[in-house]
Amino acid sequence: MGFGRDEVLRRLRAQVAAGRAIVGAGAGTGISAKFIERGGADLIVIYNSGRFRMAGHSSMCGLLALGDANQIVMEMGEREILPVVTDTPVVAGINGTDPTRRMPALLGAVRDAGFSGVNNFPTVGLFDGRIRQELEASGLGFEREVEMIRIAHGLGLFTIVYVFTPEEAKAMVAVGADVVIAHMGLTVGGSNGMDTEGAFSLDDSCARVRAIAGAALGENPDVLVLCHGGPIATPADAAYVIARTDAVGFVGASSMERLPVEVALADTTAEFKNIRIA
């Protein structure tokens, strides 16, 4: 079984009380999870996008119709991640907009599998414009993700949510979200990341995080606020944003496993290729 909601929150608040940033990390493979835990992450999050990311594709594949997101996460958790993680809460990224699932039953299975909590991913929050308008009009909008979190909270699961606006933050906190992640979009950098010209600046991100944090903390002063994505790609970036906002930590996926792996594999292979033979 996973950690209970109260235990997860006790651990996270202890980090804040000790002056240490909370760190959540996405894991798309068992080896990622094993060494993320060894590095001291407070949370490990499994997203369907992790499978695509660690197969060499963009994390945005997780938003497309390339498989059953909820089934992929359950398979990754039960067969790859949970067996190698010994003392870190593992969170399942759940597609709350999936109309083919009975959400209470799915969330019960998530809890029984050994997950400690849930996150709303894939999320329609990453869509805007016409497609977002039509998803909302079709009953497949952000409100379904809010409802998923409400059900999860009622089942005693820890809940950590992606939000993109102050209004979404208030809605999530109102139904019991424990941690709010201010999402700044696709992570900048690397082979499949966002171009810097299309991303927010770090200062823009600070302003957005402050607005989201203000809404979340106004709804519940005990909620924890973290930041994620966009230009917040390195430890220095995260430190910059945390120092200028009410965020008390960072959640990374591409920044925690894709970007480091890209560099390490390329550099190590190049070192081997530099070997000269007599």
C-alpha atoms as a PDB file:
ATOM      1  CA  MET A   1       0.000   0.000   0.000  1.00  0.00           C
ATOM      2  CA  GLY A   2       1.047   3.587  -0.565  1.00  0.00           C
ATOM      3  CA  PHE A   3       1.465   6.315   2.012  1.00  0.00           C
ATOM      4  CA  GLY A   4      -1.682   7.868   3.446  1.00  0.00           C
ATOM      5  CA  ARG A   5      -2.593  11.457   2.686  1.00  0.00           C
ATOM      6  CA  ASP A   6      -1.713  12.662   6.186  1.00  0.00           C
ATOM      7  CA  GLU A   7       1.720  11.034   6.058  1.00  0.00           C
ATOM      8  CA  VAL A   8       2.530  12.549   2.660  1.00  0.00           C
ATOM      9  CA  LEU A   9       1.533  16.003   3.878  1.00  0.00           C
ATOM     10  CA  ARG A  10       3.492  15.563   7.114  1.00  0.00           C
ATOM     11  CA  ARG A  11       6.605  14.788   5.100  1.00  0.00           C
ATOM     12  CA  LEU A  12       6.140  17.729   2.748  1.00  0.00           C
ATOM     13  CA  ARG A  13       5.462  20.221   5.509  1.00  0.00           C
ATOM     14  CA  ALA A  14       8.505  18.977   7.388  1.00  0.00           C
ATOM     15  CA  GLN A  15      10.632  19.866   4.365  1.00  0.00           C
ATOM     16  CA  VAL A  16       9.192  23.376   4.255  1.00  0.00           C
ATOM     17  CA  ALA A  17       9.650  23.818   8.007  1.00  0.00           C
ATOM     18  CA  ALA A  18      13.295  22.828   7.599  1.00  0.00           C
ATOM     19  CA  GLY A  19      13.764  25.409   4.851  1.00  0.00           C
ATOM     20  CA  ARG A  20      14.164  22.836   2.075  1.00  0.00           C
ATOM     21  CA  ALA A  21      12.292  23.068  -1.213  1.00  0.00           C
ATOM     22  CA  ILE A  22       9.815  20.301  -1.994  1.00  0.00           C
ATOM     23  CA  VAL A  23      10.860  18.374  -5.112  1.00  0.00           C
ATOM     24  CA  GLY A  24       8.522  16.204  -7.147  1.00  0.00           C
ATOM     25  CA  ALA A  25       9.902  14.305 -10.131  1.00  0.00           C
ATOM     26  CA  GLY A  26       8.281  12.572 -13.060  1.00  0.00           C
ATOM     27  CA  ALA A  27       9.543   9.070 -13.801  1.00  0.00           C
ATOM     28  CA  GLY A  28       8.969   7.363 -17.132  1.00  0.00           C
ATOM     29  CA  THR A  29      11.019   4.244 -16.365  1.00  0.00           C
ATOM     30  CA  GLY A  30      11.966   2.143 -13.383  1.00  0.00           C
ATOM     31  CA  ILE A  31      15.600   3.223 -13.508  1.00  0.00           C
ATOM     32  CA  SER A  32      14.538   6.868 -13.493  1.00  0.00           C
ATOM     33  CA  ALA A  33      12.384   6.260 -10.427  1.00  0.00           C
ATOM     34  CA  LYS A  34      15.109   4.307  -8.624  1.00  0.00           C
ATOM     35  CA  PHE A  35      17.710   7.043  -8.977  1.00  0.00           C
ATOM     36  CA  ILE A  36      15.290   9.935  -8.520  1.00  0.00           C
ATOM     37  CA  GLU A  37      14.504   8.382  -5.151  1.00  0.00           C
ATOM     38  CA  ARG A  38      18.214   8.010  -4.429  1.00  0.00           C
ATOM     39  CA  GLY A  39      18.608  11.728  -5.173  1.00  0.00           C
ATOM     40  CA  GLY A  40      16.094  12.544  -2.443  1.00  0.00           C
ATOM     41  CA  ALA A  41      12.896  13.502  -4.277  1.00  0.00           C
ATOM     42  CA  ASP A  42       9.885  14.000  -2.025  1.00  0.00           C
ATOM     43  CA  LEU A  43       7.405  12.698  -4.606  1.00  0.00           C
ATOM     44  CA  ILE A  44       7.598  10.576  -7.746  1.00  0.00           C
ATOM     45  CA  VAL A  45       4.881  11.221 -10.329  1.00  0.00           C
ATOM     46  CA  ILE A  46       3.993   8.834 -13.148  1.00  0.00           C
ATOM     47  CA  TYR A  47       2.551  10.425 -16.272  1.00  0.00           C
ATOM     48  CA  ASN A  48       1.515   8.682 -19.469  1.00  0.00           C
ATOM     49  CA  SER A  49       3.747  11.246 -21.176  1.00  0.00           C
ATOM     50  CA  GLY A  50       6.734   9.694 -19.410  1.00  0.00           C
ATOM     51  CA  ARG A  51       6.486   6.608 -21.575  1.00  0.00           C
ATOM     52  CA  PHE A  52       6.652   8.731 -24.728  1.00  0.00           C
ATOM     53  CA  ARG A  53       9.288  11.070 -23.315  1.00  0.00           C
ATOM     54  CA  MET A  54      11.666   8.250 -22.447  1.00  0.00           C
ATOM     55  CA  ALA A  55      11.036   6.651 -25.843  1.00  0.00           C
ATOM     56  CA  GLY A  56      12.526   9.774 -27.435  1.00  0.00           C
ATOM     57  CA  HIS A  57       9.319  11.644 -28.215  1.00  0.00           C
ATOM     58  CA  SER A  58       7.809  14.894 -27.005  1.00  0.00           C
ATOM     59  CA  SER A  59       5.970  14.979 -23.694  1.00  0.00           C
ATOM     60  CA  MET A  60       3.091  16.480 -25.669  1.00  0.00           C
ATOM     61  CA  CYS A  61       2.363  12.974 -26.985  1.00  0.00           C
ATOM     62  CA  GLY A  62       0.663  12.413 -23.650  1.00  0.00           C
ATOM     63  CA  LEU A  63      -2.090  14.823 -24.716  1.00  0.00           C
ATOM     64  CA  LEU A  64      -2.873  13.037 -27.970  1.00  0.00           C
ATOM     65  CA  ALA A  65      -4.939   9.935 -28.738  1.00  0.00           C
ATOM     66  CA  LEU A  66      -1.925   7.617 -28.699  1.00  0.00           C
ATOM     67  CA  GLY A  67      -3.166   5.189 -26.081  1.00  0.00           C
ATOM     68  CA  ASP A  68      -5.304   4.874 -22.954  1.00  0.00           C
ATOM     69  CA  ALA A  69      -3.593   7.344 -20.605  1.00  0.00           C
ATOM     70  CA  ASN A  70      -5.018   5.783 -17.453  1.00  0.00           C
ATOM     71  CA  GLN A  71      -4.127   2.241 -18.481  1.00  0.00           C
ATOM     72  CA  ILE A  72      -0.589   3.306 -19.410  1.00  0.00           C
ATOM     73  CA  VAL A  73      -0.068   4.884 -15.982  1.00  0.00           C
ATOM     74  CA  MET A  74      -1.409   1.830 -14.165  1.00  0.00           C
ATOM     75  CA  GLU A  75       0.895  -0.457 -16.173  1.00  0.00           C
ATOM     76  CA  MET A  76       3.919   1.780 -15.590  1.00  0.00           C
ATOM     77  CA  GLY A  77       3.176   1.980 -11.895  1.00  0.00           C
ATOM     78  CA  GLU A  78       2.464  -1.659 -11.201  1.00  0.00           C
ATOM     79  CA  ARG A  79       5.154  -3.181 -13.434  1.00  0.00           C
ATOM     80  CA  GLU A  80       7.962  -0.613 -13.520  1.00  0.00           C
ATOM     81  CA  ILE A  81       7.884   2.116 -10.869  1.00  0.00           C
ATOM     82  CA  LEU A  82       6.253   0.835  -7.694  1.00  0.00           C
ATOM     83  CA  PRO A  83       8.397  -2.336  -7.530  1.00  0.00           C
ATOM     84  CA  VAL A  84      11.639  -0.326  -7.349  1.00  0.00           C
ATOM     85  CA  VAL A  85      10.588   2.601  -5.135  1.00  0.00           C
ATOM     86  CA  THR A  86      10.987   1.787  -1.463  1.00  0.00           C
ATOM     87  CA  ASP A  87      10.317   4.907   0.614  1.00  0.00           C
ATOM     88  CA  THR A  88       8.913   7.692  -1.570  1.00  0.00           C
ATOM     89  CA  PRO A  89       5.228   8.432  -2.210  1.00  0.00           C
ATOM     90  CA  VAL A  90       4.284   7.670  -5.814  1.00  0.00           C
ATOM     91  CA  VAL A  91       1.555   9.721  -7.504  1.00  0.00           C
ATOM     92  CA  ALA A  92      -0.507   8.595 -10.504  1.00  0.00           C
ATOM     93  CA  GLY A  93      -1.254  11.047 -13.308  1.00  0.00           C
ATOM     94  CA  ILE A  94      -4.954  10.408 -13.955  1.00  0.00           C
ATOM     95  CA  ASN A  95      -6.908  11.533 -16.994  1.00  0.00           C
ATOM     96  CA  GLY A  96      -9.914  12.927 -15.210  1.00  0.00           C
ATOM     97  CA  THR A  97     -11.715  13.832 -18.427  1.00  0.00           C
ATOM     98  CA  ASP A  98     -11.924  10.185 -19.578  1.00  0.00           C
ATOM     99  CA  PRO A  99     -15.683   9.579 -20.024  1.00  0.00           C
ATOM    100  CA  THR A 100     -15.228   5.811 -20.443  1.00  0.00           C
ATOM    101  CA  ARG A 101     -14.145   5.306 -16.819  1.00  0.00           C
ATOM    102  CA  ARG A 102     -16.168   5.105 -13.635  1.00  0.00           C
ATOM    103  CA  MET A 103     -13.897   7.430 -11.737  1.00  0.00           C
ATOM    104  CA  PRO A 104     -14.567   6.155  -8.184  1.00  0.00           C
ATOM    105  CA  ALA A 105     -13.688   2.620  -9.311  1.00  0.00           C
ATOM    106  CA  LEU A 106     -10.554   3.752 -11.149  1.00  0.00           C
ATOM    107  CA  LEU A 107      -9.346   5.809  -8.200  1.00  0.00           C
ATOM    108  CA  GLY A 108     -10.020   2.910  -5.853  1.00  0.00           C
ATOM    109  CA  ALA A 109      -7.846   0.717  -8.077  1.00  0.00           C
ATOM    110  CA  VAL A 110      -5.135   3.386  -8.047  1.00  0.00           C
ATOM    111  CA  ARG A 111      -5.136   3.400  -4.241  1.00  0.00           C
ATOM    112  CA  ASP A 112      -5.169  -0.400  -4.032  1.00  0.00           C
ATOM    113  CA  ALA A 113      -2.246  -0.665  -6.462  1.00  0.00           C
ATOM    114  CA  GLY A 114      -0.041   1.230  -4.012  1.00  0.00           C
ATOM    115  CA  PHE A 115      -0.143   4.783  -5.298  1.00  0.00           C
ATOM    116  CA  SER A 116      -0.194   7.430  -2.582  1.00  0.00           C
ATOM    117  CA  GLY A 117      -2.003  10.079  -4.570  1.00  0.00           C
ATOM    118  CA  VAL A 118      -3.138  11.446  -7.886  1.00  0.00           C
ATOM    119  CA  ASN A 119      -2.421  14.329 -10.237  1.00  0.00           C
ATOM    120  CA  ASN A 120      -4.601  15.630 -13.078  1.00  0.00           C
ATOM    121  CA  PHE A 121      -2.639  14.653 -16.158  1.00  0.00           C
ATOM    122  CA  PRO A 122      -3.297  14.630 -19.081  1.00  0.00           C
ATOM    123  CA  THR A 123      -4.958  17.981 -18.516  1.00  0.00           C
ATOM    124  CA  VAL A 124      -7.099  20.103 -20.797  1.00  0.00           C
ATOM    125  CA  GLY A 125      -5.449  23.064 -19.095  1.00  0.00           C
ATOM    126  CA  LEU A 126      -2.715  22.785 -21.721  1.00  0.00           C
ATOM    127  CA  PHE A 127      -5.272  23.493 -24.454  1.00  0.00           C
ATOM    128  CA  ASP A 128      -6.584  26.926 -25.298  1.00  0.00           C
ATOM    129  CA  GLY A 129      -8.378  28.608 -28.175  1.00  0.00           C
ATOM    130  CA  ARG A 130     -10.957  26.778 -30.248  1.00  0.00           C
ATOM    131  CA  ILE A 131     -10.083  23.267 -29.083  1.00  0.00           C
ATOM    132  CA  ARG A 132     -10.447  24.258 -25.419  1.00  0.00           C
ATOM    133  CA  GLN A 133     -13.763  25.944 -26.169  1.00  0.00           C
ATOM    134  CA  GLU A 134     -15.081  22.828 -27.871  1.00  0.00           C
ATOM    135  CA  LEU A 135     -13.826  20.482 -25.148  1.00  0.00           C
ATOM    136  CA  GLU A 136     -15.550  22.579 -22.513  1.00  0.00           C
ATOM    137  CA  ALA A 137     -18.749  22.720 -24.586  1.00  0.00           C
ATOM    138  CA  SER A 138     -18.649  18.919 -24.949  1.00  0.00           C
ATOM    139  CA  GLY A 139     -18.502  18.287 -21.221  1.00  0.00           C
ATOM    140  CA  LEU A 140     -14.835  17.302 -21.440  1.00  0.00           C
ATOM    141  CA  GLY A 141     -13.409  20.375 -19.776  1.00  0.00           C
ATOM    142  CA  PHE A 142     -11.391  21.233 -16.705  1.00  0.00           C
ATOM    143  CA  GLU A 143     -14.384  20.778 -14.427  1.00  0.00           C
ATOM    144  CA  ARG A 144     -14.127  17.004 -14.945  1.00  0.00           C
ATOM    145  CA  GLU A 145     -10.585  17.150 -13.594  1.00  0.00           C
ATOM    146  CA  VAL A 146     -11.845  19.112 -10.600  1.00  0.00           C
ATOM    147  CA  GLU A 147     -14.458  16.418 -10.009  1.00  0.00           C
ATOM    148  CA  MET A 148     -11.811  13.687 -10.221  1.00  0.00           C
ATOM    149  CA  ILE A 149      -9.808  15.461  -7.516  1.00  0.00           C
ATOM    150  CA  ARG A 150     -12.924  15.818  -5.368  1.00  0.00           C
ATOM    151  CA  ILE A 151     -13.514  12.060  -5.565  1.00  0.00           C
ATOM    152  CA  ALA A 152      -9.856  11.276  -4.876  1.00  0.00           C
ATOM    153  CA  HIS A 153      -9.868  13.544  -1.815  1.00  0.00           C
ATOM    154  CA  GLY A 154     -12.950  11.742  -0.539  1.00  0.00           C
ATOM    155  CA  LEU A 155     -11.143   8.409  -0.894  1.00  0.00           C
ATOM    156  CA  GLY A 156      -8.274   9.640   1.257  1.00  0.00           C
ATOM    157  CA  LEU A 157      -5.770  10.005  -1.575  1.00  0.00           C
ATOM    158  CA  PHE A 158      -3.178  12.765  -1.559  1.00  0.00           C
ATOM    159  CA  THR A 159      -3.957  15.239  -4.371  1.00  0.00           C
ATOM    160  CA  ILE A 160      -1.450  17.410  -6.241  1.00  0.00           C
ATOM    161  CA  VAL A 161      -2.885  19.366  -9.145  1.00  0.00           C
ATOM    162  CA  TYR A 162      -1.784  21.244 -12.232  1.00  0.00           C
ATOM    163  CA  VAL A 163      -3.446  24.615 -12.705  1.00  0.00           C
ATOM    164  CA  PHE A 164      -2.898  27.335 -15.262  1.00  0.00           C
ATOM    165  CA  THR A 165      -4.982  30.228 -13.944  1.00  0.00           C
ATOM    166  CA  PRO A 166      -5.980  31.664 -10.553  1.00  0.00           C
ATOM    167  CA  GLU A 167      -9.576  30.562 -11.214  1.00  0.00           C
ATOM    168  CA  GLU A 168      -8.509  26.962 -11.755  1.00  0.00           C
ATOM    169  CA  ALA A 169      -6.441  27.109  -8.574  1.00  0.00           C
ATOM    170  CA  LYS A 170      -9.432  28.266  -6.531  1.00  0.00           C
ATOM    171  CA  ALA A 171     -11.661  25.546  -7.997  1.00  0.00           C
ATOM    172  CA  MET A 172      -9.162  22.792  -7.210  1.00  0.00           C
ATOM    173  CA  VAL A 173      -8.448  23.967  -3.672  1.00  0.00           C
ATOM    174  CA  ALA A 174     -12.181  24.250  -2.978  1.00  0.00           C
ATOM    175  CA  VAL A 175     -12.606  20.493  -3.536  1.00  0.00           C
ATOM    176  CA  GLY A 176      -9.664  19.547  -1.338  1.00  0.00           C
ATOM    177  CA  ALA A 177      -6.490  19.710  -3.428  1.00  0.00           C
ATOM    178  CA  ASP A 178      -3.503  19.425  -1.093  1.00  0.00           C
ATOM    179  CA  VAL A 179      -0.830  20.851  -3.391  1.00  0.00           C
ATOM    180  CA  VAL A 180      -1.221  23.235  -6.322  1.00  0.00           C
ATOM    181  CA  ILE A 181       1.363  23.257  -9.129  1.00  0.00           C
ATOM    182  CA  ALA A 182       1.506  26.457 -11.157  1.00  0.00           C
ATOM    183  CA  HIS A 183       2.120  25.074 -14.661  1.00  0.00           C
ATOM    184  CA  MET A 184       4.085  27.268 -17.075  1.00  0.00           C
ATOM    185  CA  GLY A 185       3.766  25.026 -20.143  1.00  0.00           C
ATOM    186  CA  LEU A 186       6.067  22.676 -22.010  1.00  0.00           C
ATOM    187  CA  THR A 187       9.590  22.688 -20.560  1.00  0.00           C
ATOM    188  CA  VAL A 188      12.189  24.666 -22.498  1.00  0.00           C
ATOM    189  CA  GLY A 189      15.283  22.985 -23.900  1.00  0.00           C
ATOM    190  CA  GLY A 190      16.691  19.717 -25.158  1.00  0.00           C
ATOM    191  CA  SER A 191      15.720  17.770 -28.248  1.00  0.00           C
ATOM    192  CA  ASN A 192      11.939  17.928 -27.781  1.00  0.00           C
ATOM    193  CA  GLY A 193      11.462  20.971 -25.583  1.00  0.00           C
ATOM    194  CA  MET A 194       9.854  24.339 -26.097  1.00  0.00           C
ATOM    195  CA  ASP A 195      11.830  27.012 -27.920  1.00  0.00           C
ATOM    196  CA  THR A 196      12.747  29.896 -25.634  1.00  0.00           C
ATOM    197  CA  GLU A 197      11.108  32.382 -28.017  1.00  0.00           C
ATOM    198  CA  GLY A 198       7.740  30.670 -27.554  1.00  0.00           C
ATOM    199  CA  ALA A 199       7.922  30.310 -23.764  1.00  0.00           C
ATOM    200  CA  PHE A 200       7.253  32.703 -20.913  1.00  0.00           C
ATOM    201  CA  SER A 201      10.289  34.427 -19.444  1.00  0.00           C
ATOM    202  CA  LEU A 202      11.319  33.589 -15.894  1.00  0.00           C
ATOM    203  CA  ASP A 203       9.994  36.941 -14.710  1.00  0.00           C
ATOM    204  CA  ASP A 204       6.681  36.365 -16.514  1.00  0.00           C
ATOM    205  CA  SER A 205       6.528  32.982 -14.808  1.00  0.00           C
ATOM    206  CA  CYS A 206       7.121  34.575 -11.421  1.00  0.00           C
ATOM    207  CA  ALA A 207       4.154  36.885 -11.976  1.00  0.00           C
ATOM    208  CA  ARG A 208       1.947  33.961 -13.029  1.00  0.00           C
ATOM    209  CA  VAL A 209       3.041  31.824 -10.088  1.00  0.00           C
ATOM    210  CA  ARG A 210       2.314  34.701  -7.701  1.00  0.00           C
ATOM    211  CA  ALA A 211      -1.201  35.128  -9.108  1.00  0.00           C
ATOM    212  CA  ILE A 212      -1.957  31.404  -8.880  1.00  0.00           C
ATOM    213  CA  ALA A 213      -0.487  31.161  -5.387  1.00  0.00           C
ATOM    214  CA  GLY A 214      -2.521  34.141  -4.225  1.00  0.00           C
ATOM    215  CA  ALA A 215      -5.747  32.517  -5.382  1.00  0.00           C
ATOM    216  CA  ALA A 216      -4.885  29.110  -3.919  1.00  0.00           C
ATOM    217  CA  LEU A 217      -3.749  30.458  -0.548  1.00  0.00           C
ATOM    218  CA  GLY A 218      -6.736  32.766  -0.409  1.00  0.00           C
ATOM    219  CA  GLU A 219      -8.981  29.709  -0.663  1.00  0.00           C
ATOM    220  CA  ASN A 220      -6.954  27.676   1.853  1.00  0.00           C
ATOM    221  CA  PRO A 221      -3.876  29.125   3.591  1.00  0.00           C
ATOM    222  CA  ASP A 222      -2.610  25.597   4.330  1.00  0.00           C
ATOM    223  CA  VAL A 223      -2.292  24.561   0.689  1.00  0.00           C
ATOM    224  CA  LEU A 224       1.234  24.092  -0.673  1.00  0.00           C
ATOM    225  CA  VAL A 225       2.172  25.785  -3.957  1.00  0.00           C
ATOM    226  CA  LEU A 226       4.851  24.472  -6.340  1.00  0.00           C
ATOM    227  CA  CYS A 227       6.000  25.538  -9.806  1.00  0.00           C
ATOM    228  CA  HIS A 228       6.622  23.615 -13.012  1.00  0.00           C
ATOM    229  CA  GLY A 229       7.517  23.840 -16.666  1.00  0.00           C
ATOM    230  CA  GLY A 230       8.192  26.465 -19.289  1.00  0.00           C
ATOM    231  CA  PRO A 231      11.474  28.276 -18.599  1.00  0.00           C
ATOM    232  CA  ILE A 232      11.792  26.628 -15.157  1.00  0.00           C
ATOM    233  CA  ALA A 233      14.095  23.907 -16.452  1.00  0.00           C
ATOM    234  CA  THR A 234      17.122  23.832 -14.142  1.00  0.00           C
ATOM    235  CA  PRO A 235      17.735  23.977 -10.375  1.00  0.00           C
ATOM    236  CA  ALA A 236      18.864  27.586 -10.792  1.00  0.00           C
ATOM    237  CA  ASP A 237      15.628  28.452 -12.631  1.00  0.00           C
ATOM    238  CA  ALA A 238      13.535  26.847  -9.885  1.00  0.00           C
ATOM    239  CA  ALA A 239      15.506  28.660  -7.182  1.00  0.00           C
ATOM    240  CA  TYR A 240      14.942  31.969  -9.002  1.00  0.00           C
ATOM    241  CA  VAL A 241      11.162  31.489  -9.096  1.00  0.00           C
ATOM    242  CA  ILE A 242      10.863  30.122  -5.561  1.00  0.00           C
ATOM    243  CA  ALA A 243      12.817  33.098  -4.183  1.00  0.00           C
ATOM    244  CA  ARG A 244      10.373  35.548  -5.804  1.00  0.00           C
ATOM    245  CA  THR A 245       7.024  33.850  -5.179  1.00  0.00           C
ATOM    246  CA  ASP A 246       5.072  31.902  -2.566  1.00  0.00           C
ATOM    247  CA  ALA A 247       6.053  28.617  -4.227  1.00  0.00           C
ATOM    248  CA  VAL A 248       7.796  26.237  -1.824  1.00  0.00           C
ATOM    249  CA  GLY A 249       9.097  23.765  -4.368  1.00  0.00           C
ATOM    250  CA  PHE A 250       9.244  22.443  -7.887  1.00  0.00           C
ATOM    251  CA  VAL A 251       7.891  19.534  -9.910  1.00  0.00           C
ATOM    252  CA  GLY A 252       9.920  18.434 -12.916  1.00  0.00           C
ATOM    253  CA  ALA A 253       9.492  15.756 -15.542  1.00  0.00           C
ATOM    254  CA  SER A 254      11.509  16.585 -18.663  1.00  0.00           C
ATOM    255  CA  SER A 255      13.835  18.674 -16.512  1.00  0.00           C
ATOM    256  CA  MET A 256      14.420  15.779 -14.105  1.00  0.00           C
ATOM    257  CA  GLU A 257      14.847  12.821 -16.436  1.00  0.00           C
ATOM    258  CA  ARG A 258      14.896  13.798 -20.126  1.00  0.00           C
ATOM    259  CA  LEU A 259      17.333  16.715 -20.132  1.00  0.00           C
ATOM    260  CA  PRO A 260      19.898  15.039 -17.816  1.00  0.00           C
ATOM    261  CA  VAL A 261      19.697  11.771 -19.779  1.00  0.00           C
ATOM    262  CA  GLU A 262      20.167  13.515 -23.123  1.00  0.00           C
ATOM    263  CA  VAL A 263      23.355  15.147 -21.900  1.00  0.00           C
ATOM    264  CA  ALA A 264      24.728  12.124 -20.026  1.00  0.00           C
ATOM    265  CA  LEU A 265      24.209   9.664 -22.867  1.00  0.00           C
ATOM    266  CA  ALA A 266      25.641  11.936 -25.540  1.00  0.00           C
ATOM    267  CA  ASP A 267      28.665  12.918 -23.450  1.00  0.00           C
ATOM    268  CA  THR A 268      29.421   9.380 -22.262  1.00  0.00           C
ATOM    269  CA  THR A 269      29.163   7.964 -25.781  1.00  0.00           C
ATOM    270  CA  ALA A 270      31.463  10.720 -27.056  1.00  0.00           C
ATOM    271  CA  GLU A 271      34.001   9.853 -24.349  1.00  0.00           C
ATOM    272  CA  PHE A 272      34.027   6.220 -25.452  1.00  0.00           C
ATOM    273  CA  LYS A 273      34.437   7.315 -29.062  1.00  0.00           C
ATOM    274  CA  ASN A 274      37.492   9.343 -28.064  1.00  0.00           C
ATOM    275  CA  ILE A 275      39.356   6.159 -27.155  1.00  0.00           C
ATOM    276  CA  ARG A 276      42.261   5.634 -29.534  1.00  0.00           C
ATOM    277  CA  ILE A 277      43.649   2.222 -30.453  1.00  0.00           C
ATOM    278  CA  ALA A 278      47.264   1.450 -31.213  1.00  0.00           C
END
